[in-house]
C-alpha cells in the first residue's frame, strides 16, 4: 500500500510539475505560428536553395551587427548545407579582411578555414553602436531559443520528432513587429514586437519588402519569405550535421533490427534440443 501511494504521488507530482511548467512557459510568449519546414520530422532535409537565400539575407542584412562564431567559410561548402563550390567559398572568403598578428600589418585576406569575421572589434564597441544592447551571436540561435505550447500539446512533439522550435521562434520574432497598442509605452531605443517576451526589443525591424534581391525571380521578396529563409539558415548553422545524423540513425536502426533477428535465430538454434 505504501509503495502504491508513493508511485501515485510521484505520478501526480510529475503531472503537476510538467503541466505547470508548460503553462508558465506559455505565458511568456503569445501564440506561435508554426511553419512547415523541409527539415521537419525524421525524414526531413535542408533545402539547399533556401539555405543559400537565408545566407544571402544574413550577409546583406544581419552580418553588420550579428556574428556567426561557430561557422567557418568552408562550412558553406559542406554537403547537407548551402553546398557552395570550393571556388565560390574561396572567392567569398577573399572578400573579407581577417585580423592576424602573424601577418604583415596585422591583417590578411580571408581563407576558407577562417571563421566568419566579427562585425565589431569588441563587445563595448558593439554596445556603443547599438544603444547599449549587445547583439547576440546567431550561429546557435536556433538551439538557444524555443517556443511555448500549452499542456498537453507539447507532449505530442516527442512522437513527431519536433525539432523546429528554434526556426519557428526566429520566424515569429522577425514577422511580428507591430505598432504598439494604445496605452503601451515604448521607451526611446526600443521597439514593439508582439512575439518577444515583454514585447519590447532593442533591435529595430531588420527586414522590409524588397530589401534583398534574390536571383530567382519566382521567389517572393517579402518579409515573410526573408524570415523563412533566414530561420532555415540559422537552423542549419545550429545543426549543420542534421542530415548525416539522421542518415546514421537509420543505419543504426536497421543494424539493430537485423542484429535482433540474428540473435533470435541463434537463440532458437542453441536451445532447440533443450527440454
C-alpha atoms as a PDB file:
ATOM      1  CA  UNK A   1       0.000   0.000   0.000  1.00  0.00           C
ATOM      2  CA  UNK A   2       2.833   2.376   0.866  1.00  0.00           C
ATOM      3  CA  UNK A   3       4.523   1.640  -2.453  1.00  0.00           C
ATOM      4  CA  UNK A   4       1.286   2.293  -4.319  1.00  0.00           C
ATOM      5  CA  UNK A   5       0.821   5.655  -2.591  1.00  0.00           C
ATOM      6  CA  UNK A   6       4.416   6.602  -3.347  1.00  0.00           C
ATOM      7  CA  UNK A   7       4.029   5.783  -7.037  1.00  0.00           C
ATOM      8  CA  UNK A   8       0.721   7.649  -7.301  1.00  0.00           C
ATOM      9  CA  UNK A   9       2.217  10.635  -5.504  1.00  0.00           C
ATOM     10  CA  UNK A  10       5.212  10.687  -7.811  1.00  0.00           C
ATOM     11  CA  UNK A  11       2.967  10.499 -10.893  1.00  0.00           C
ATOM     12  CA  UNK A  12       0.747  13.308  -9.579  1.00  0.00           C
ATOM     13  CA  UNK A  13       3.761  15.467  -8.756  1.00  0.00           C
ATOM     14  CA  UNK A  14       5.233  14.867 -12.220  1.00  0.00           C
ATOM     15  CA  UNK A  15       1.962  15.733 -13.934  1.00  0.00           C
ATOM     16  CA  UNK A  16       1.550  18.953 -11.945  1.00  0.00           C
ATOM     17  CA  UNK A  17       5.178  19.906 -12.494  1.00  0.00           C
ATOM     18  CA  UNK A  18       5.073  19.320 -16.230  1.00  0.00           C
ATOM     19  CA  UNK A  19       1.720  20.972 -16.783  1.00  0.00           C
ATOM     20  CA  UNK A  20       2.621  23.879 -14.529  1.00  0.00           C
ATOM     21  CA  UNK A  21       5.920  24.397 -16.316  1.00  0.00           C
ATOM     22  CA  UNK A  22       4.207  24.343 -19.664  1.00  0.00           C
ATOM     23  CA  UNK A  23       1.543  26.820 -18.582  1.00  0.00           C
ATOM     24  CA  UNK A  24       4.130  29.119 -17.080  1.00  0.00           C
ATOM     25  CA  UNK A  25       6.216  28.972 -20.243  1.00  0.00           C
ATOM     26  CA  UNK A  26       3.148  29.561 -22.362  1.00  0.00           C
ATOM     27  CA  UNK A  27       2.620  32.854 -20.593  1.00  0.00           C
ATOM     28  CA  UNK A  28       5.993  34.156 -21.738  1.00  0.00           C
ATOM     29  CA  UNK A  29       5.050  34.449 -25.397  1.00  0.00           C
ATOM     30  CA  UNK A  30       1.948  34.902 -27.470  1.00  0.00           C
ATOM     31  CA  UNK A  31       0.745  32.182 -29.815  1.00  0.00           C
ATOM     32  CA  UNK A  32       3.448  30.758 -32.073  1.00  0.00           C
ATOM     33  CA  UNK A  33       2.633  30.363 -35.768  1.00  0.00           C
ATOM     34  CA  UNK A  34       4.342  27.076 -36.541  1.00  0.00           C
ATOM     35  CA  UNK A  35       5.616  26.664 -40.080  1.00  0.00           C
ATOM     36  CA  UNK A  36       6.143  23.758 -42.435  1.00  0.00           C
ATOM     37  CA  UNK A  37       9.883  23.221 -42.819  1.00  0.00           C
ATOM     38  CA  UNK A  38      11.706  20.955 -45.250  1.00  0.00           C
ATOM     39  CA  UNK A  39      13.849  19.688 -42.370  1.00  0.00           C
ATOM     40  CA  UNK A  40      10.958  18.711 -40.094  1.00  0.00           C
ATOM     41  CA  UNK A  41      10.381  15.157 -38.954  1.00  0.00           C
ATOM     42  CA  UNK A  42      12.636  12.138 -39.102  1.00  0.00           C
ATOM     43  CA  UNK A  43      12.854  12.244 -42.906  1.00  0.00           C
ATOM     44  CA  UNK A  44      13.365  15.995 -43.288  1.00  0.00           C
ATOM     45  CA  UNK A  45      16.378  17.525 -45.027  1.00  0.00           C
ATOM     46  CA  UNK A  46      17.563  21.049 -45.632  1.00  0.00           C
ATOM     47  CA  UNK A  47      16.512  22.867 -48.796  1.00  0.00           C
ATOM     48  CA  UNK A  48      19.832  23.903 -50.354  1.00  0.00           C
ATOM     49  CA  UNK A  49      18.312  26.819 -52.255  1.00  0.00           C
ATOM     50  CA  UNK A  50      16.556  28.094 -49.145  1.00  0.00           C
ATOM     51  CA  UNK A  51      19.794  27.931 -47.166  1.00  0.00           C
ATOM     52  CA  UNK A  52      21.549  29.950 -49.855  1.00  0.00           C
ATOM     53  CA  UNK A  53      18.815  32.568 -49.778  1.00  0.00           C
ATOM     54  CA  UNK A  54      18.974  32.663 -45.994  1.00  0.00           C
ATOM     55  CA  UNK A  55      22.726  33.136 -46.113  1.00  0.00           C
ATOM     56  CA  UNK A  56      22.251  35.999 -48.571  1.00  0.00           C
ATOM     57  CA  UNK A  57      19.798  37.708 -46.215  1.00  0.00           C
ATOM     58  CA  UNK A  58      22.141  37.198 -43.278  1.00  0.00           C
ATOM     59  CA  UNK A  59      25.110  38.561 -45.189  1.00  0.00           C
ATOM     60  CA  UNK A  60      23.334  41.604 -46.587  1.00  0.00           C
ATOM     61  CA  UNK A  61      21.222  42.482 -43.546  1.00  0.00           C
ATOM     62  CA  UNK A  62      22.230  40.744 -40.318  1.00  0.00           C
ATOM     63  CA  UNK A  63      26.021  40.445 -40.536  1.00  0.00           C
ATOM     64  CA  UNK A  64      26.538  44.163 -39.882  1.00  0.00           C
ATOM     65  CA  UNK A  65      25.545  43.568 -36.237  1.00  0.00           C
ATOM     66  CA  UNK A  66      25.482  39.807 -35.587  1.00  0.00           C
ATOM     67  CA  UNK A  67      28.328  37.317 -35.850  1.00  0.00           C
ATOM     68  CA  UNK A  68      28.499  33.584 -36.597  1.00  0.00           C
ATOM     69  CA  UNK A  69      31.231  32.469 -34.212  1.00  0.00           C
ATOM     70  CA  UNK A  70      30.859  28.750 -34.883  1.00  0.00           C
ATOM     71  CA  UNK A  71      30.757  28.889 -38.682  1.00  0.00           C
ATOM     72  CA  UNK A  72      33.829  28.938 -40.921  1.00  0.00           C
ATOM     73  CA  UNK A  73      33.725  29.908 -44.585  1.00  0.00           C
ATOM     74  CA  UNK A  74      34.483  26.311 -45.569  1.00  0.00           C
ATOM     75  CA  UNK A  75      31.335  25.084 -43.795  1.00  0.00           C
ATOM     76  CA  UNK A  76      29.316  26.727 -46.558  1.00  0.00           C
ATOM     77  CA  UNK A  77      30.605  24.043 -48.942  1.00  0.00           C
ATOM     78  CA  UNK A  78      29.606  21.106 -46.741  1.00  0.00           C
ATOM     79  CA  UNK A  79      27.161  18.566 -48.117  1.00  0.00           C
ATOM     80  CA  UNK A  80      23.750  18.910 -46.497  1.00  0.00           C
ATOM     81  CA  UNK A  81      24.164  22.681 -46.207  1.00  0.00           C
ATOM     82  CA  UNK A  82      24.220  25.538 -48.717  1.00  0.00           C
ATOM     83  CA  UNK A  83      26.812  23.424 -50.566  1.00  0.00           C
ATOM     84  CA  UNK A  84      28.662  26.182 -52.389  1.00  0.00           C
ATOM     85  CA  UNK A  85      31.593  25.066 -54.512  1.00  0.00           C
ATOM     86  CA  UNK A  86      35.113  25.322 -53.115  1.00  0.00           C
ATOM     87  CA  UNK A  87      35.904  28.066 -55.624  1.00  0.00           C
ATOM     88  CA  UNK A  88      32.859  30.054 -54.516  1.00  0.00           C
ATOM     89  CA  UNK A  89      33.848  29.718 -50.868  1.00  0.00           C
ATOM     90  CA  UNK A  90      37.434  30.708 -51.596  1.00  0.00           C
ATOM     91  CA  UNK A  91      36.272  33.789 -53.504  1.00  0.00           C
ATOM     92  CA  UNK A  92      33.833  34.699 -50.708  1.00  0.00           C
ATOM     93  CA  UNK A  93      36.489  34.415 -48.011  1.00  0.00           C
ATOM     94  CA  UNK A  94      38.871  36.576 -50.040  1.00  0.00           C
ATOM     95  CA  UNK A  95      36.367  39.452 -49.881  1.00  0.00           C
ATOM     96  CA  UNK A  96      36.986  39.797 -46.126  1.00  0.00           C
ATOM     97  CA  UNK A  97      39.964  41.064 -44.163  1.00  0.00           C
ATOM     98  CA  UNK A  98      40.971  38.902 -41.210  1.00  0.00           C
ATOM     99  CA  UNK A  99      42.935  40.167 -38.206  1.00  0.00           C
ATOM    100  CA  UNK A 100      46.125  38.102 -37.879  1.00  0.00           C
ATOM    101  CA  UNK A 101      49.042  39.109 -35.678  1.00  0.00           C
ATOM    102  CA  UNK A 102      51.416  36.944 -37.695  1.00  0.00           C
ATOM    103  CA  UNK A 103      50.588  38.686 -40.989  1.00  0.00           C
ATOM    104  CA  UNK A 104      52.236  41.830 -42.288  1.00  0.00           C
ATOM    105  CA  UNK A 105      50.324  44.790 -40.929  1.00  0.00           C
ATOM    106  CA  UNK A 106      48.286  42.523 -38.633  1.00  0.00           C
ATOM    107  CA  UNK A 107      45.738  41.728 -41.340  1.00  0.00           C
ATOM    108  CA  UNK A 108      45.394  39.359 -44.260  1.00  0.00           C
ATOM    109  CA  UNK A 109      42.959  38.149 -46.866  1.00  0.00           C
ATOM    110  CA  UNK A 110      40.437  35.594 -45.648  1.00  0.00           C
ATOM    111  CA  UNK A 111      40.754  31.907 -46.480  1.00  0.00           C
ATOM    112  CA  UNK A 112      38.126  29.108 -46.304  1.00  0.00           C
ATOM    113  CA  UNK A 113      39.472  27.888 -42.929  1.00  0.00           C
ATOM    114  CA  UNK A 114      38.760  31.241 -41.258  1.00  0.00           C
ATOM    115  CA  UNK A 115      35.689  31.655 -39.100  1.00  0.00           C
ATOM    116  CA  UNK A 116      33.151  34.295 -40.014  1.00  0.00           C
ATOM    117  CA  UNK A 117      34.584  37.697 -39.007  1.00  0.00           C
ATOM    118  CA  UNK A 118      33.087  39.582 -36.093  1.00  0.00           C
ATOM    119  CA  UNK A 119      31.125  42.727 -37.025  1.00  0.00           C
ATOM    120  CA  UNK A 120      32.678  44.741 -34.148  1.00  0.00           C
ATOM    121  CA  UNK A 121      36.210  44.784 -32.695  1.00  0.00           C
ATOM    122  CA  UNK A 122      34.915  44.412 -29.127  1.00  0.00           C
ATOM    123  CA  UNK A 123      31.718  43.962 -27.129  1.00  0.00           C
ATOM    124  CA  UNK A 124      31.907  47.514 -25.825  1.00  0.00           C
ATOM    125  CA  UNK A 125      32.084  48.957 -29.322  1.00  0.00           C
ATOM    126  CA  UNK A 126      29.133  46.747 -30.257  1.00  0.00           C
ATOM    127  CA  UNK A 127      27.139  48.098 -27.308  1.00  0.00           C
ATOM    128  CA  UNK A 128      28.053  51.687 -28.131  1.00  0.00           C
ATOM    129  CA  UNK A 129      26.832  51.187 -31.694  1.00  0.00           C
ATOM    130  CA  UNK A 130      23.551  49.626 -30.596  1.00  0.00           C
ATOM    131  CA  UNK A 131      22.323  51.860 -27.812  1.00  0.00           C
ATOM    132  CA  UNK A 132      23.861  49.768 -25.048  1.00  0.00           C
ATOM    133  CA  UNK A 133      22.478  46.421 -26.276  1.00  0.00           C
ATOM    134  CA  UNK A 134      24.908  43.662 -27.265  1.00  0.00           C
ATOM    135  CA  UNK A 135      23.762  41.927 -30.478  1.00  0.00           C
ATOM    136  CA  UNK A 136      23.894  38.165 -29.826  1.00  0.00           C
ATOM    137  CA  UNK A 137      25.854  35.734 -31.935  1.00  0.00           C
ATOM    138  CA  UNK A 138      23.429  33.923 -34.237  1.00  0.00           C
ATOM    139  CA  UNK A 139      25.249  30.703 -35.075  1.00  0.00           C
ATOM    140  CA  UNK A 140      23.422  28.736 -32.352  1.00  0.00           C
ATOM    141  CA  UNK A 141      20.313  30.893 -32.005  1.00  0.00           C
ATOM    142  CA  UNK A 142      18.022  28.125 -33.304  1.00  0.00           C
ATOM    143  CA  UNK A 143      19.169  25.866 -30.459  1.00  0.00           C
ATOM    144  CA  UNK A 144      19.210  28.604 -27.829  1.00  0.00           C
ATOM    145  CA  UNK A 145      15.580  29.588 -28.437  1.00  0.00           C
ATOM    146  CA  UNK A 146      12.361  27.632 -28.353  1.00  0.00           C
ATOM    147  CA  UNK A 147       8.623  28.093 -28.354  1.00  0.00           C
ATOM    148  CA  UNK A 148       5.933  27.625 -25.739  1.00  0.00           C
ATOM    149  CA  UNK A 149       2.923  25.373 -26.108  1.00  0.00           C
ATOM    150  CA  UNK A 150       0.164  24.752 -23.579  1.00  0.00           C
ATOM    151  CA  UNK A 151      -0.092  21.340 -21.962  1.00  0.00           C
ATOM    152  CA  UNK A 152      -0.717  18.728 -23.330  1.00  0.00           C
ATOM    153  CA  UNK A 153       0.064  19.765 -26.916  1.00  0.00           C
ATOM    154  CA  UNK A 154       3.814  19.851 -26.418  1.00  0.00           C
ATOM    155  CA  UNK A 155       3.726  16.171 -25.400  1.00  0.00           C
ATOM    156  CA  UNK A 156       2.997  15.198 -28.998  1.00  0.00           C
ATOM    157  CA  UNK A 157       6.332  16.712 -30.045  1.00  0.00           C
ATOM    158  CA  UNK A 158       8.063  13.627 -28.679  1.00  0.00           C
ATOM    159  CA  UNK A 159       6.171  11.456 -31.157  1.00  0.00           C
ATOM    160  CA  UNK A 160       6.554  13.750 -34.191  1.00  0.00           C
ATOM    161  CA  UNK A 161      10.293  14.328 -33.652  1.00  0.00           C
ATOM    162  CA  UNK A 162       9.613  18.064 -33.493  1.00  0.00           C
ATOM    163  CA  UNK A 163      12.923  19.906 -33.720  1.00  0.00           C
ATOM    164  CA  UNK A 164      11.947  23.138 -35.418  1.00  0.00           C
ATOM    165  CA  UNK A 165      11.217  25.222 -32.315  1.00  0.00           C
ATOM    166  CA  UNK A 166      14.208  27.491 -32.887  1.00  0.00           C
ATOM    167  CA  UNK A 167      13.303  28.124 -36.508  1.00  0.00           C
ATOM    168  CA  UNK A 168       9.685  28.807 -35.548  1.00  0.00           C
ATOM    169  CA  UNK A 169      10.888  31.249 -32.892  1.00  0.00           C
ATOM    170  CA  UNK A 170      13.110  33.158 -35.335  1.00  0.00           C
ATOM    171  CA  UNK A 171      10.355  33.315 -37.932  1.00  0.00           C
ATOM    172  CA  UNK A 172       7.771  34.621 -35.459  1.00  0.00           C
ATOM    173  CA  UNK A 173      10.166  37.163 -33.983  1.00  0.00           C
ATOM    174  CA  UNK A 174      11.040  38.618 -37.392  1.00  0.00           C
ATOM    175  CA  UNK A 175       7.490  38.798 -38.705  1.00  0.00           C
ATOM    176  CA  UNK A 176       5.673  40.226 -35.698  1.00  0.00           C
ATOM    177  CA  UNK A 177       6.924  43.758 -35.338  1.00  0.00           C
ATOM    178  CA  UNK A 178       3.852  45.951 -34.995  1.00  0.00           C
ATOM    179  CA  UNK A 179       2.658  49.288 -33.818  1.00  0.00           C
ATOM    180  CA  UNK A 180       2.320  49.276 -30.042  1.00  0.00           C
ATOM    181  CA  UNK A 181      -1.292  49.059 -28.838  1.00  0.00           C
ATOM    182  CA  UNK A 182      -2.852  52.128 -27.335  1.00  0.00           C
ATOM    183  CA  UNK A 183      -1.618  52.754 -23.832  1.00  0.00           C
ATOM    184  CA  UNK A 184       1.531  50.669 -24.226  1.00  0.00           C
ATOM    185  CA  UNK A 185       4.580  52.891 -23.711  1.00  0.00           C
ATOM    186  CA  UNK A 186       7.654  52.198 -25.855  1.00  0.00           C
ATOM    187  CA  UNK A 187      10.828  53.843 -24.483  1.00  0.00           C
ATOM    188  CA  UNK A 188      13.310  55.508 -26.850  1.00  0.00           C
ATOM    189  CA  UNK A 189      15.589  52.947 -28.491  1.00  0.00           C
ATOM    190  CA  UNK A 190      13.044  50.148 -28.024  1.00  0.00           C
ATOM    191  CA  UNK A 191      10.566  48.623 -30.463  1.00  0.00           C
ATOM    192  CA  UNK A 192       7.296  46.802 -30.032  1.00  0.00           C
ATOM    193  CA  UNK A 193       7.282  43.138 -31.025  1.00  0.00           C
ATOM    194  CA  UNK A 194       4.123  41.138 -30.408  1.00  0.00           C
ATOM    195  CA  UNK A 195       6.041  37.871 -30.040  1.00  0.00           C
ATOM    196  CA  UNK A 196       9.040  38.920 -27.965  1.00  0.00           C
ATOM    197  CA  UNK A 197       8.851  38.350 -24.211  1.00  0.00           C
ATOM    198  CA  UNK A 198       7.729  41.618 -22.665  1.00  0.00           C
ATOM    199  CA  UNK A 199       7.074  42.947 -26.191  1.00  0.00           C
ATOM    200  CA  UNK A 200       9.985  45.419 -26.015  1.00  0.00           C
ATOM    201  CA  UNK A 201      13.087  44.673 -28.068  1.00  0.00           C
ATOM    202  CA  UNK A 202      16.195  46.744 -28.744  1.00  0.00           C
ATOM    203  CA  UNK A 203      16.552  45.509 -32.325  1.00  0.00           C
ATOM    204  CA  UNK A 204      14.775  47.622 -34.898  1.00  0.00           C
ATOM    205  CA  UNK A 205      12.746  45.739 -37.521  1.00  0.00           C
ATOM    206  CA  UNK A 206      15.597  44.386 -39.679  1.00  0.00           C
ATOM    207  CA  UNK A 207      13.563  43.328 -42.706  1.00  0.00           C
ATOM    208  CA  UNK A 208      11.311  45.060 -45.181  1.00  0.00           C
ATOM    209  CA  UNK A 209       9.877  44.022 -48.515  1.00  0.00           C
ATOM    210  CA  UNK A 210      12.416  44.235 -51.339  1.00  0.00           C
ATOM    211  CA  UNK A 211      15.421  44.812 -49.084  1.00  0.00           C
ATOM    212  CA  UNK A 212      17.237  41.793 -50.604  1.00  0.00           C
ATOM    213  CA  UNK A 213      17.159  40.906 -54.288  1.00  0.00           C
ATOM    214  CA  UNK A 214      17.060  37.159 -54.997  1.00  0.00           C
ATOM    215  CA  UNK A 215      18.492  35.715 -58.182  1.00  0.00           C
ATOM    216  CA  UNK A 216      15.399  33.552 -58.549  1.00  0.00           C
ATOM    217  CA  UNK A 217      12.734  35.959 -59.735  1.00  0.00           C
ATOM    218  CA  UNK A 218       9.966  33.489 -58.808  1.00  0.00           C
ATOM    219  CA  UNK A 219      10.799  33.697 -55.095  1.00  0.00           C
ATOM    220  CA  UNK A 220       8.860  36.466 -53.304  1.00  0.00           C
ATOM    221  CA  UNK A 221      10.996  39.254 -51.878  1.00  0.00           C
ATOM    222  CA  UNK A 222       8.859  39.820 -48.823  1.00  0.00           C
ATOM    223  CA  UNK A 223       9.402  39.965 -45.074  1.00  0.00           C
ATOM    224  CA  UNK A 224       7.630  36.626 -44.743  1.00  0.00           C
ATOM    225  CA  UNK A 225       9.918  34.910 -47.272  1.00  0.00           C
ATOM    226  CA  UNK A 226      13.072  36.528 -45.926  1.00  0.00           C
ATOM    227  CA  UNK A 227      12.127  35.384 -42.423  1.00  0.00           C
ATOM    228  CA  UNK A 228      11.527  31.803 -43.543  1.00  0.00           C
ATOM    229  CA  UNK A 229      14.835  31.643 -45.382  1.00  0.00           C
ATOM    230  CA  UNK A 230      16.757  33.254 -42.547  1.00  0.00           C
ATOM    231  CA  UNK A 231      15.194  30.933 -39.948  1.00  0.00           C
ATOM    232  CA  UNK A 232      16.106  27.889 -42.045  1.00  0.00           C
ATOM    233  CA  UNK A 233      19.676  29.144 -42.416  1.00  0.00           C
ATOM    234  CA  UNK A 234      20.028  29.610 -38.651  1.00  0.00           C
ATOM    235  CA  UNK A 235      18.634  26.114 -38.125  1.00  0.00           C
ATOM    236  CA  UNK A 236      21.480  24.847 -40.306  1.00  0.00           C
ATOM    237  CA  UNK A 237      24.163  26.903 -38.540  1.00  0.00           C
ATOM    238  CA  UNK A 238      22.951  25.462 -35.227  1.00  0.00           C
ATOM    239  CA  UNK A 239      22.686  21.883 -36.525  1.00  0.00           C
ATOM    240  CA  UNK A 240      24.873  21.580 -39.645  1.00  0.00           C
ATOM    241  CA  UNK A 241      25.186  17.783 -39.379  1.00  0.00           C
ATOM    242  CA  UNK A 242      21.466  17.070 -39.113  1.00  0.00           C
ATOM    243  CA  UNK A 243      21.232  15.228 -42.450  1.00  0.00           C
ATOM    244  CA  UNK A 244      24.204  12.966 -41.763  1.00  0.00           C
ATOM    245  CA  UNK A 245      22.931  12.384 -38.221  1.00  0.00           C
ATOM    246  CA  UNK A 246      19.549  11.231 -39.491  1.00  0.00           C
ATOM    247  CA  UNK A 247      21.192   9.011 -42.099  1.00  0.00           C
ATOM    248  CA  UNK A 248      23.371   7.417 -39.453  1.00  0.00           C
ATOM    249  CA  UNK A 249      20.335   6.933 -37.223  1.00  0.00           C
ATOM    250  CA  UNK A 250      18.501   4.972 -39.916  1.00  0.00           C
ATOM    251  CA  UNK A 251      21.551   2.784 -40.485  1.00  0.00           C
ATOM    252  CA  UNK A 252      21.841   2.058 -36.776  1.00  0.00           C
ATOM    253  CA  UNK A 253      18.146   1.176 -36.518  1.00  0.00           C
ATOM    254  CA  UNK A 254      18.401  -1.196 -39.498  1.00  0.00           C
ATOM    255  CA  UNK A 255      21.503  -2.789 -37.992  1.00  0.00           C
ATOM    256  CA  UNK A 256      19.830  -3.268 -34.611  1.00  0.00           C
ATOM    257  CA  UNK A 257      16.761  -4.862 -36.201  1.00  0.00           C
ATOM    258  CA  UNK A 258      18.944  -7.239 -38.207  1.00  0.00           C
ATOM    259  CA  UNK A 259      21.064  -7.994 -35.144  1.00  0.00           C
ATOM    260  CA  UNK A 260      17.964  -8.731 -33.053  1.00  0.00           C
ATOM    261  CA  UNK A 261      16.656 -11.140 -35.698  1.00  0.00           C
ATOM    262  CA  UNK A 262      20.037 -12.870 -35.875  1.00  0.00           C
ATOM    263  CA  UNK A 263      20.209 -13.220 -32.084  1.00  0.00           C
ATOM    264  CA  UNK A 264      16.705 -14.682 -32.036  1.00  0.00           C
ATOM    265  CA  UNK A 265      17.665 -17.273 -34.662  1.00  0.00           C
ATOM    266  CA  UNK A 266      20.844 -18.153 -32.746  1.00  0.00           C
ATOM    267  CA  UNK A 267      18.901 -18.482 -29.500  1.00  0.00           C
ATOM    268  CA  UNK A 268      16.362 -20.812 -31.109  1.00  0.00           C
ATOM    269  CA  UNK A 269      19.123 -22.960 -32.605  1.00  0.00           C
ATOM    270  CA  UNK A 270      21.075 -23.227 -29.341  1.00  0.00           C
ATOM    271  CA  UNK A 271      18.046 -24.111 -27.215  1.00  0.00           C
ATOM    272  CA  UNK A 272      16.040 -26.208 -29.684  1.00  0.00           C
ATOM    273  CA  UNK A 273      17.194 -29.508 -28.153  1.00  0.00           C
ATOM    274  CA  UNK A 274      16.837 -28.357 -24.558  1.00  0.00           C
ATOM    275  CA  UNK A 275      13.969 -29.869 -22.602  1.00  0.00           C
END
